[in-house]
mmCIF file of all heavy atoms, coordinates in Angstrom:
data_MODEL
# 
_entry.id   MODEL 
# 
loop_
_atom_site.group_PDB 
_atom_site.id 
_atom_site.type_symbol 
_atom_site.label_atom_id 
_atom_site.label_alt_id 
_atom_site.label_comp_id 
_atom_site.label_asym_id 
_atom_site.label_entity_id 
_atom_site.label_seq_id 
_atom_site.pdbx_PDB_ins_code 
_atom_site.Cartn_x 
_atom_site.Cartn_y 
_atom_site.Cartn_z 
_atom_site.occupancy 
_atom_site.B_iso_or_equiv 
_atom_site.pdbx_formal_charge 
_atom_site.auth_seq_id 
_atom_site.auth_comp_id 
_atom_site.auth_asym_id 
_atom_site.auth_atom_id 
_atom_site.pdbx_PDB_model_num 
ATOM 1   N N   . VAL A 1 1  ? 230.420 33.043 190.066 1.00 0.00 ? 1  VAL A N   1 
ATOM 2   C CA  . VAL A 1 1  ? 230.290 32.191 188.884 1.00 0.00 ? 1  VAL A CA  1 
ATOM 3   C C   . VAL A 1 1  ? 229.203 31.144 189.101 1.00 0.00 ? 1  VAL A C   1 
ATOM 4   O O   . VAL A 1 1  ? 228.389 30.871 188.227 1.00 0.00 ? 1  VAL A O   1 
ATOM 5   C CB  . VAL A 1 1  ? 231.647 31.531 188.566 1.00 0.00 ? 1  VAL A CB  1 
ATOM 6   C CG1 . VAL A 1 1  ? 231.441 30.344 187.623 1.00 0.00 ? 1  VAL A CG1 1 
ATOM 7   C CG2 . VAL A 1 1  ? 232.606 32.509 187.993 1.00 0.00 ? 1  VAL A CG2 1 
ATOM 8   N N   . THR A 1 2  ? 229.150 30.590 190.292 1.00 0.00 ? 2  THR A N   1 
ATOM 9   C CA  . THR A 1 2  ? 228.126 29.560 190.585 1.00 0.00 ? 2  THR A CA  1 
ATOM 10  C C   . THR A 1 2  ? 226.763 30.126 190.470 1.00 0.00 ? 2  THR A C   1 
ATOM 11  O O   . THR A 1 2  ? 225.817 29.444 189.898 1.00 0.00 ? 2  THR A O   1 
ATOM 12  C CB  . THR A 1 2  ? 228.343 28.975 192.018 1.00 0.00 ? 2  THR A CB  1 
ATOM 13  O OG1 . THR A 1 2  ? 229.677 28.391 192.112 1.00 0.00 ? 2  THR A OG1 1 
ATOM 14  C CG2 . THR A 1 2  ? 227.319 27.938 192.354 1.00 0.00 ? 2  THR A CG2 1 
ATOM 15  N N   . ALA A 1 3  ? 226.526 31.318 190.933 1.00 0.00 ? 3  ALA A N   1 
ATOM 16  C CA  . ALA A 1 3  ? 225.196 31.920 190.847 1.00 0.00 ? 3  ALA A CA  1 
ATOM 17  C C   . ALA A 1 3  ? 224.756 32.158 189.383 1.00 0.00 ? 3  ALA A C   1 
ATOM 18  O O   . ALA A 1 3  ? 223.630 31.903 189.020 1.00 0.00 ? 3  ALA A O   1 
ATOM 19  C CB  . ALA A 1 3  ? 225.175 33.260 191.584 1.00 0.00 ? 3  ALA A CB  1 
ATOM 20  N N   . LEU A 1 4  ? 225.680 32.627 188.544 1.00 0.00 ? 4  LEU A N   1 
ATOM 21  C CA  . LEU A 1 4  ? 225.347 32.815 187.153 1.00 0.00 ? 4  LEU A CA  1 
ATOM 22  C C   . LEU A 1 4  ? 225.151 31.484 186.446 1.00 0.00 ? 4  LEU A C   1 
ATOM 23  O O   . LEU A 1 4  ? 224.216 31.329 185.644 1.00 0.00 ? 4  LEU A O   1 
ATOM 24  C CB  . LEU A 1 4  ? 226.432 33.632 186.461 1.00 0.00 ? 4  LEU A CB  1 
ATOM 25  C CG  . LEU A 1 4  ? 226.276 33.892 184.952 1.00 0.00 ? 4  LEU A CG  1 
ATOM 26  C CD1 . LEU A 1 4  ? 224.897 34.517 184.652 1.00 0.00 ? 4  LEU A CD1 1 
ATOM 27  C CD2 . LEU A 1 4  ? 227.380 34.766 184.380 1.00 0.00 ? 4  LEU A CD2 1 
ATOM 28  N N   . LEU A 1 5  ? 225.985 30.511 186.728 1.00 0.00 ? 5  LEU A N   1 
ATOM 29  C CA  . LEU A 1 5  ? 225.802 29.191 186.138 1.00 0.00 ? 5  LEU A CA  1 
ATOM 30  C C   . LEU A 1 5  ? 224.498 28.567 186.467 1.00 0.00 ? 5  LEU A C   1 
ATOM 31  O O   . LEU A 1 5  ? 223.816 27.951 185.647 1.00 0.00 ? 5  LEU A O   1 
ATOM 32  C CB  . LEU A 1 5  ? 226.968 28.294 186.547 1.00 0.00 ? 5  LEU A CB  1 
ATOM 33  C CG  . LEU A 1 5  ? 226.922 26.828 186.047 1.00 0.00 ? 5  LEU A CG  1 
ATOM 34  C CD1 . LEU A 1 5  ? 226.923 26.763 184.538 1.00 0.00 ? 5  LEU A CD1 1 
ATOM 35  C CD2 . LEU A 1 5  ? 228.123 26.029 186.587 1.00 0.00 ? 5  LEU A CD2 1 
ATOM 36  N N   . ALA A 1 6  ? 224.045 28.724 187.742 1.00 0.00 ? 6  ALA A N   1 
ATOM 37  C CA  . ALA A 1 6  ? 222.769 28.201 188.176 1.00 0.00 ? 6  ALA A CA  1 
ATOM 38  C C   . ALA A 1 6  ? 221.627 28.782 187.351 1.00 0.00 ? 6  ALA A C   1 
ATOM 39  O O   . ALA A 1 6  ? 220.691 28.103 186.942 1.00 0.00 ? 6  ALA A O   1 
ATOM 40  C CB  . ALA A 1 6  ? 222.563 28.492 189.691 1.00 0.00 ? 6  ALA A CB  1 
ATOM 41  N N   . GLU A 1 7  ? 221.709 30.053 187.086 1.00 0.00 ? 7  GLU A N   1 
ATOM 42  C CA  . GLU A 1 7  ? 220.635 30.773 186.280 1.00 0.00 ? 7  GLU A CA  1 
ATOM 43  C C   . GLU A 1 7  ? 220.676 30.265 184.852 1.00 0.00 ? 7  GLU A C   1 
ATOM 44  O O   . GLU A 1 7  ? 219.627 30.000 184.252 1.00 0.00 ? 7  GLU A O   1 
ATOM 45  C CB  . GLU A 1 7  ? 220.891 32.264 186.332 1.00 0.00 ? 7  GLU A CB  1 
ATOM 46  C CG  . GLU A 1 7  ? 219.829 33.090 185.624 1.00 0.00 ? 7  GLU A CG  1 
ATOM 47  C CD  . GLU A 1 7  ? 218.438 32.974 186.271 1.00 0.00 ? 7  GLU A CD  1 
ATOM 48  O OE1 . GLU A 1 7  ? 218.313 32.411 187.393 1.00 0.00 ? 7  GLU A OE1 1 
ATOM 49  O OE2 . GLU A 1 7  ? 217.480 33.460 185.640 1.00 0.00 ? 7  GLU A OE2 1 
ATOM 50  N N   . VAL A 1 8  ? 221.856 30.082 184.277 1.00 0.00 ? 8  VAL A N   1 
ATOM 51  C CA  . VAL A 1 8  ? 221.943 29.591 182.873 1.00 0.00 ? 8  VAL A CA  1 
ATOM 52  C C   . VAL A 1 8  ? 221.434 28.149 182.764 1.00 0.00 ? 8  VAL A C   1 
ATOM 53  O O   . VAL A 1 8  ? 220.641 27.838 181.836 1.00 0.00 ? 8  VAL A O   1 
ATOM 54  C CB  . VAL A 1 8  ? 223.391 29.698 182.409 1.00 0.00 ? 8  VAL A CB  1 
ATOM 55  C CG1 . VAL A 1 8  ? 223.583 28.978 181.085 1.00 0.00 ? 8  VAL A CG1 1 
ATOM 56  C CG2 . VAL A 1 8  ? 223.823 31.164 182.313 1.00 0.00 ? 8  VAL A CG2 1 
ATOM 57  N N   . LEU A 1 9  ? 221.804 27.292 183.714 1.00 0.00 ? 9  LEU A N   1 
ATOM 58  C CA  . LEU A 1 9  ? 221.309 25.934 183.687 1.00 0.00 ? 9  LEU A CA  1 
ATOM 59  C C   . LEU A 1 9  ? 219.805 25.883 183.868 1.00 0.00 ? 9  LEU A C   1 
ATOM 60  O O   . LEU A 1 9  ? 219.116 25.047 183.233 1.00 0.00 ? 9  LEU A O   1 
ATOM 61  C CB  . LEU A 1 9  ? 222.008 25.071 184.759 1.00 0.00 ? 9  LEU A CB  1 
ATOM 62  C CG  . LEU A 1 9  ? 223.524 24.920 184.602 1.00 0.00 ? 9  LEU A CG  1 
ATOM 63  C CD1 . LEU A 1 9  ? 224.101 24.176 185.816 1.00 0.00 ? 9  LEU A CD1 1 
ATOM 64  C CD2 . LEU A 1 9  ? 223.852 24.112 183.351 1.00 0.00 ? 9  LEU A CD2 1 
ATOM 65  N N   . ARG A 1 10 ? 219.270 26.715 184.729 1.00 0.00 ? 10 ARG A N   1 
ATOM 66  C CA  . ARG A 1 10 ? 217.826 26.788 184.905 1.00 0.00 ? 10 ARG A CA  1 
ATOM 67  C C   . ARG A 1 10 ? 217.126 27.133 183.593 1.00 0.00 ? 10 ARG A C   1 
ATOM 68  O O   . ARG A 1 10 ? 216.087 26.535 183.254 1.00 0.00 ? 10 ARG A O   1 
ATOM 69  C CB  . ARG A 1 10 ? 217.513 27.767 186.030 1.00 0.00 ? 10 ARG A CB  1 
ATOM 70  C CG  . ARG A 1 10 ? 216.017 27.832 186.366 1.00 0.00 ? 10 ARG A CG  1 
ATOM 71  C CD  . ARG A 1 10 ? 215.710 28.946 187.319 1.00 0.00 ? 10 ARG A CD  1 
ATOM 72  N NE  . ARG A 1 10 ? 215.882 30.266 186.700 1.00 0.00 ? 10 ARG A NE  1 
ATOM 73  C CZ  . ARG A 1 10 ? 214.981 30.853 185.901 1.00 0.00 ? 10 ARG A CZ  1 
ATOM 74  N NH1 . ARG A 1 10 ? 213.846 30.215 185.593 1.00 0.00 ? 10 ARG A NH1 1 
ATOM 75  N NH2 . ARG A 1 10 ? 215.195 32.008 185.393 1.00 0.00 ? 10 ARG A NH2 1 
ATOM 76  N N   . LEU A 1 11 ? 217.650 28.149 182.914 1.00 0.00 ? 11 LEU A N   1 
ATOM 77  C CA  . LEU A 1 11 ? 216.998 28.585 181.702 1.00 0.00 ? 11 LEU A CA  1 
ATOM 78  C C   . LEU A 1 11 ? 217.090 27.517 180.593 1.00 0.00 ? 11 LEU A C   1 
ATOM 79  O O   . LEU A 1 11 ? 216.167 27.329 179.829 1.00 0.00 ? 11 LEU A O   1 
ATOM 80  C CB  . LEU A 1 11 ? 217.654 29.906 181.196 1.00 0.00 ? 11 LEU A CB  1 
ATOM 81  C CG  . LEU A 1 11 ? 217.327 31.139 182.080 1.00 0.00 ? 11 LEU A CG  1 
ATOM 82  C CD1 . LEU A 1 11 ? 218.275 32.257 181.773 1.00 0.00 ? 11 LEU A CD1 1 
ATOM 83  C CD2 . LEU A 1 11 ? 215.882 31.580 181.850 1.00 0.00 ? 11 LEU A CD2 1 
ATOM 84  N N   . GLN A 1 12 ? 218.244 26.847 180.523 1.00 0.00 ? 12 GLN A N   1 
ATOM 85  C CA  . GLN A 1 12 ? 218.366 25.782 179.555 1.00 0.00 ? 12 GLN A CA  1 
ATOM 86  C C   . GLN A 1 12 ? 217.379 24.632 179.824 1.00 0.00 ? 12 GLN A C   1 
ATOM 87  O O   . GLN A 1 12 ? 216.697 24.199 178.900 1.00 0.00 ? 12 GLN A O   1 
ATOM 88  C CB  . GLN A 1 12 ? 219.822 25.200 179.536 1.00 0.00 ? 12 GLN A CB  1 
ATOM 89  C CG  . GLN A 1 12 ? 220.782 26.093 178.796 1.00 0.00 ? 12 GLN A CG  1 
ATOM 90  C CD  . GLN A 1 12 ? 222.136 25.372 178.659 1.00 0.00 ? 12 GLN A CD  1 
ATOM 91  O OE1 . GLN A 1 12 ? 222.705 24.853 179.609 1.00 0.00 ? 12 GLN A OE1 1 
ATOM 92  N NE2 . GLN A 1 12 ? 222.671 25.367 177.422 1.00 0.00 ? 12 GLN A NE2 1 
ATOM 93  N N   . TYR A 1 13 ? 217.301 24.222 181.077 1.00 0.00 ? 13 TYR A N   1 
ATOM 94  C CA  . TYR A 1 13 ? 216.437 23.082 181.356 1.00 0.00 ? 13 TYR A CA  1 
ATOM 95  C C   . TYR A 1 13 ? 214.984 23.452 181.226 1.00 0.00 ? 13 TYR A C   1 
ATOM 96  O O   . TYR A 1 13 ? 214.159 22.638 180.806 1.00 0.00 ? 13 TYR A O   1 
ATOM 97  C CB  . TYR A 1 13 ? 216.713 22.592 182.811 1.00 0.00 ? 13 TYR A CB  1 
ATOM 98  C CG  . TYR A 1 13 ? 216.073 21.268 183.126 1.00 0.00 ? 13 TYR A CG  1 
ATOM 99  C CD1 . TYR A 1 13 ? 216.507 20.100 182.496 1.00 0.00 ? 13 TYR A CD1 1 
ATOM 100 C CD2 . TYR A 1 13 ? 215.052 21.173 184.024 1.00 0.00 ? 13 TYR A CD2 1 
ATOM 101 C CE1 . TYR A 1 13 ? 215.940 18.879 182.761 1.00 0.00 ? 13 TYR A CE1 1 
ATOM 102 C CE2 . TYR A 1 13 ? 214.453 19.953 184.302 1.00 0.00 ? 13 TYR A CE2 1 
ATOM 103 C CZ  . TYR A 1 13 ? 214.918 18.812 183.665 1.00 0.00 ? 13 TYR A CZ  1 
ATOM 104 O OH  . TYR A 1 13 ? 214.289 17.602 183.906 1.00 0.00 ? 13 TYR A OH  1 
ATOM 105 N N   . ALA A 1 14 ? 214.598 24.663 181.543 1.00 0.00 ? 14 ALA A N   1 
ATOM 106 C CA  . ALA A 1 14 ? 213.211 25.095 181.378 1.00 0.00 ? 14 ALA A CA  1 
ATOM 107 C C   . ALA A 1 14 ? 212.874 25.248 179.877 1.00 0.00 ? 14 ALA A C   1 
ATOM 108 O O   . ALA A 1 14 ? 211.694 24.985 179.500 1.00 0.00 ? 14 ALA A O   1 
ATOM 109 C CB  . ALA A 1 14 ? 212.984 26.432 182.074 1.00 0.00 ? 14 ALA A CB  1 
ATOM 110 N N   . GLY A 1 15 ? 213.845 25.639 179.051 1.00 0.00 ? 15 GLY A N   1 
ATOM 111 C CA  . GLY A 1 15 ? 213.554 25.769 177.645 1.00 0.00 ? 15 GLY A CA  1 
ATOM 112 C C   . GLY A 1 15 ? 212.546 26.864 177.347 1.00 0.00 ? 15 GLY A C   1 
ATOM 113 O O   . GLY A 1 15 ? 211.850 26.810 176.371 1.00 0.00 ? 15 GLY A O   1 
ATOM 114 N N   . ASP A 1 16 ? 212.511 27.871 178.191 1.00 0.00 ? 16 ASP A N   1 
ATOM 115 C CA  . ASP A 1 16 ? 211.538 28.975 178.075 1.00 0.00 ? 16 ASP A CA  1 
ATOM 116 C C   . ASP A 1 16 ? 212.202 30.089 177.242 1.00 0.00 ? 16 ASP A C   1 
ATOM 117 O O   . ASP A 1 16 ? 212.981 30.843 177.776 1.00 0.00 ? 16 ASP A O   1 
ATOM 118 C CB  . ASP A 1 16 ? 211.128 29.431 179.447 1.00 0.00 ? 16 ASP A CB  1 
ATOM 119 C CG  . ASP A 1 16 ? 210.042 30.497 179.441 1.00 0.00 ? 16 ASP A CG  1 
ATOM 120 O OD1 . ASP A 1 16 ? 209.888 31.203 178.426 1.00 0.00 ? 16 ASP A OD1 1 
ATOM 121 O OD2 . ASP A 1 16 ? 209.327 30.649 180.452 1.00 0.00 ? 16 ASP A OD2 1 
ATOM 122 N N   . TYR A 1 17 ? 211.813 30.197 175.997 1.00 0.00 ? 17 TYR A N   1 
ATOM 123 C CA  . TYR A 1 17 ? 212.444 31.147 175.101 1.00 0.00 ? 17 TYR A CA  1 
ATOM 124 C C   . TYR A 1 17 ? 212.197 32.607 175.588 1.00 0.00 ? 17 TYR A C   1 
ATOM 125 O O   . TYR A 1 17 ? 213.134 33.457 175.562 1.00 0.00 ? 17 TYR A O   1 
ATOM 126 C CB  . TYR A 1 17 ? 211.935 30.986 173.657 1.00 0.00 ? 17 TYR A CB  1 
ATOM 127 C CG  . TYR A 1 17 ? 212.585 31.906 172.658 1.00 0.00 ? 17 TYR A CG  1 
ATOM 128 C CD1 . TYR A 1 17 ? 213.859 31.609 172.160 1.00 0.00 ? 17 TYR A CD1 1 
ATOM 129 C CD2 . TYR A 1 17 ? 211.942 33.034 172.201 1.00 0.00 ? 17 TYR A CD2 1 
ATOM 130 C CE1 . TYR A 1 17 ? 214.472 32.417 171.242 1.00 0.00 ? 17 TYR A CE1 1 
ATOM 131 C CE2 . TYR A 1 17 ? 212.558 33.868 171.285 1.00 0.00 ? 17 TYR A CE2 1 
ATOM 132 C CZ  . TYR A 1 17 ? 213.799 33.577 170.759 1.00 0.00 ? 17 TYR A CZ  1 
ATOM 133 O OH  . TYR A 1 17 ? 214.391 34.405 169.868 1.00 0.00 ? 17 TYR A OH  1 
ATOM 134 N N   . ALA A 1 18 ? 211.040 32.895 176.017 1.00 0.00 ? 18 ALA A N   1 
ATOM 135 C CA  . ALA A 1 18 ? 210.698 34.278 176.455 1.00 0.00 ? 18 ALA A CA  1 
ATOM 136 C C   . ALA A 1 18 ? 211.543 34.633 177.667 1.00 0.00 ? 18 ALA A C   1 
ATOM 137 O O   . ALA A 1 18 ? 212.018 35.767 177.789 1.00 0.00 ? 18 ALA A O   1 
ATOM 138 C CB  . ALA A 1 18 ? 209.212 34.404 176.760 1.00 0.00 ? 18 ALA A CB  1 
ATOM 139 N N   . ALA A 1 19 ? 211.715 33.684 178.591 1.00 0.00 ? 19 ALA A N   1 
ATOM 140 C CA  . ALA A 1 19 ? 212.531 33.975 179.791 1.00 0.00 ? 19 ALA A CA  1 
ATOM 141 C C   . ALA A 1 19 ? 213.999 34.119 179.394 1.00 0.00 ? 19 ALA A C   1 
ATOM 142 O O   . ALA A 1 19 ? 214.748 34.957 179.967 1.00 0.00 ? 19 ALA A O   1 
ATOM 143 C CB  . ALA A 1 19 ? 212.394 32.859 180.796 1.00 0.00 ? 19 ALA A CB  1 
ATOM 144 N N   . ALA A 1 20 ? 214.457 33.371 178.392 1.00 0.00 ? 20 ALA A N   1 
ATOM 145 C CA  . ALA A 1 20 ? 215.804 33.492 177.916 1.00 0.00 ? 20 ALA A CA  1 
ATOM 146 C C   . ALA A 1 20 ? 216.059 34.897 177.328 1.00 0.00 ? 20 ALA A C   1 
ATOM 147 O O   . ALA A 1 20 ? 217.070 35.528 177.566 1.00 0.00 ? 20 ALA A O   1 
ATOM 148 C CB  . ALA A 1 20 ? 216.138 32.444 176.879 1.00 0.00 ? 20 ALA A CB  1 
ATOM 149 N N   . ILE A 1 21 ? 215.110 35.368 176.519 1.00 0.00 ? 21 ILE A N   1 
ATOM 150 C CA  . ILE A 1 21 ? 215.230 36.712 175.928 1.00 0.00 ? 21 ILE A CA  1 
ATOM 151 C C   . ILE A 1 21 ? 215.231 37.785 177.042 1.00 0.00 ? 21 ILE A C   1 
ATOM 152 O O   . ILE A 1 21 ? 216.066 38.729 176.999 1.00 0.00 ? 21 ILE A O   1 
ATOM 153 C CB  . ILE A 1 21 ? 214.065 36.986 174.964 1.00 0.00 ? 21 ILE A CB  1 
ATOM 154 C CG1 . ILE A 1 21 ? 214.162 36.054 173.732 1.00 0.00 ? 21 ILE A CG1 1 
ATOM 155 C CG2 . ILE A 1 21 ? 214.046 38.432 174.518 1.00 0.00 ? 21 ILE A CG2 1 
ATOM 156 C CD1 . ILE A 1 21 ? 215.433 36.302 172.906 1.00 0.00 ? 21 ILE A CD1 1 
ATOM 157 N N   . GLU A 1 22 ? 214.398 37.619 178.025 1.00 0.00 ? 22 GLU A N   1 
ATOM 158 C CA  . GLU A 1 22 ? 214.333 38.595 179.099 1.00 0.00 ? 22 GLU A CA  1 
ATOM 159 C C   . GLU A 1 22 ? 215.687 38.614 179.854 1.00 0.00 ? 22 GLU A C   1 
ATOM 160 O O   . GLU A 1 22 ? 216.173 39.698 180.215 1.00 0.00 ? 22 GLU A O   1 
ATOM 161 C CB  . GLU A 1 22 ? 213.230 38.225 180.089 1.00 0.00 ? 22 GLU A CB  1 
ATOM 162 C CG  . GLU A 1 22 ? 213.042 39.193 181.235 1.00 0.00 ? 22 GLU A CG  1 
ATOM 163 C CD  . GLU A 1 22 ? 211.917 38.804 182.163 1.00 0.00 ? 22 GLU A CD  1 
ATOM 164 O OE1 . GLU A 1 22 ? 211.180 37.856 181.821 1.00 0.00 ? 22 GLU A OE1 1 
ATOM 165 O OE2 . GLU A 1 22 ? 211.794 39.397 183.238 1.00 0.00 ? 22 GLU A OE2 1 
ATOM 166 N N   . PHE A 1 23 ? 216.296 37.485 180.064 1.00 0.00 ? 23 PHE A N   1 
ATOM 167 C CA  . PHE A 1 23 ? 217.605 37.403 180.734 1.00 0.00 ? 23 PHE A CA  1 
ATOM 168 C C   . PHE A 1 23 ? 218.660 38.140 179.915 1.00 0.00 ? 23 PHE A C   1 
ATOM 169 O O   . PHE A 1 23 ? 219.464 38.897 180.453 1.00 0.00 ? 23 PHE A O   1 
ATOM 170 C CB  . PHE A 1 23 ? 217.984 35.941 180.979 1.00 0.00 ? 23 PHE A CB  1 
ATOM 171 C CG  . PHE A 1 23 ? 219.388 35.735 181.486 1.00 0.00 ? 23 PHE A CG  1 
ATOM 172 C CD1 . PHE A 1 23 ? 219.630 35.873 182.802 1.00 0.00 ? 23 PHE A CD1 1 
ATOM 173 C CD2 . PHE A 1 23 ? 220.420 35.433 180.635 1.00 0.00 ? 23 PHE A CD2 1 
ATOM 174 C CE1 . PHE A 1 23 ? 220.929 35.706 183.308 1.00 0.00 ? 23 PHE A CE1 1 
ATOM 175 C CE2 . PHE A 1 23 ? 221.712 35.232 181.046 1.00 0.00 ? 23 PHE A CE2 1 
ATOM 176 C CZ  . PHE A 1 23 ? 221.989 35.380 182.441 1.00 0.00 ? 23 PHE A CZ  1 
ATOM 177 N N   . ILE A 1 24 ? 218.698 37.843 178.637 1.00 0.00 ? 24 ILE A N   1 
ATOM 178 C CA  . ILE A 1 24 ? 219.683 38.471 177.725 1.00 0.00 ? 24 ILE A CA  1 
ATOM 179 C C   . ILE A 1 24 ? 219.531 39.981 177.740 1.00 0.00 ? 24 ILE A C   1 
ATOM 180 O O   . ILE A 1 24 ? 220.503 40.731 177.936 1.00 0.00 ? 24 ILE A O   1 
ATOM 181 C CB  . ILE A 1 24 ? 219.556 37.922 176.301 1.00 0.00 ? 24 ILE A CB  1 
ATOM 182 C CG1 . ILE A 1 24 ? 219.950 36.445 176.240 1.00 0.00 ? 24 ILE A CG1 1 
ATOM 183 C CG2 . ILE A 1 24 ? 220.423 38.751 175.339 1.00 0.00 ? 24 ILE A CG2 1 
ATOM 184 C CD1 . ILE A 1 24 ? 219.629 35.786 174.921 1.00 0.00 ? 24 ILE A CD1 1 
ATOM 185 N N   . GLU A 1 25 ? 218.313 40.461 177.651 1.00 0.00 ? 25 GLU A N   1 
ATOM 186 C CA  . GLU A 1 25 ? 218.085 41.921 177.602 1.00 0.00 ? 25 GLU A CA  1 
ATOM 187 C C   . GLU A 1 25 ? 218.432 42.552 178.948 1.00 0.00 ? 25 GLU A C   1 
ATOM 188 O O   . GLU A 1 25 ? 218.825 43.732 178.965 1.00 0.00 ? 25 GLU A O   1 
ATOM 189 C CB  . GLU A 1 25 ? 216.606 42.195 177.247 1.00 0.00 ? 25 GLU A CB  1 
ATOM 190 C CG  . GLU A 1 25 ? 216.275 41.797 175.832 1.00 0.00 ? 25 GLU A CG  1 
ATOM 191 C CD  . GLU A 1 25 ? 214.784 41.998 175.490 1.00 0.00 ? 25 GLU A CD  1 
ATOM 192 O OE1 . GLU A 1 25 ? 213.995 42.179 176.418 1.00 0.00 ? 25 GLU A OE1 1 
ATOM 193 O OE2 . GLU A 1 25 ? 214.445 41.951 174.287 1.00 0.00 ? 25 GLU A OE2 1 
ATOM 194 N N   . ARG A 1 26 ? 218.367 41.817 180.009 1.00 0.00 ? 26 ARG A N   1 
ATOM 195 C CA  . ARG A 1 26 ? 218.687 42.357 181.322 1.00 0.00 ? 26 ARG A CA  1 
ATOM 196 C C   . ARG A 1 26 ? 220.210 42.529 181.462 1.00 0.00 ? 26 ARG A C   1 
ATOM 197 O O   . ARG A 1 26 ? 220.679 43.503 182.094 1.00 0.00 ? 26 ARG A O   1 
ATOM 198 C CB  . ARG A 1 26 ? 218.170 41.380 182.416 1.00 0.00 ? 26 ARG A CB  1 
ATOM 199 C CG  . ARG A 1 26 ? 218.755 41.587 183.816 1.00 0.00 ? 26 ARG A CG  1 
ATOM 200 C CD  . ARG A 1 26 ? 218.213 42.824 184.485 1.00 0.00 ? 26 ARG A CD  1 
ATOM 201 N NE  . ARG A 1 26 ? 218.710 42.923 185.838 1.00 0.00 ? 26 ARG A NE  1 
ATOM 202 C CZ  . ARG A 1 26 ? 219.948 43.344 186.207 1.00 0.00 ? 26 ARG A CZ  1 
ATOM 203 N NH1 . ARG A 1 26 ? 220.835 43.722 185.264 1.00 0.00 ? 26 ARG A NH1 1 
ATOM 204 N NH2 . ARG A 1 26 ? 220.305 43.415 187.476 1.00 0.00 ? 26 ARG A NH2 1 
# 
């Protein structure tokens, strides 16, 4: 859970929409 939470918090703080889409598609 901690590993996934770290990735989600990183994506939120970066605010990188393209990276967010790539994560979802993965």
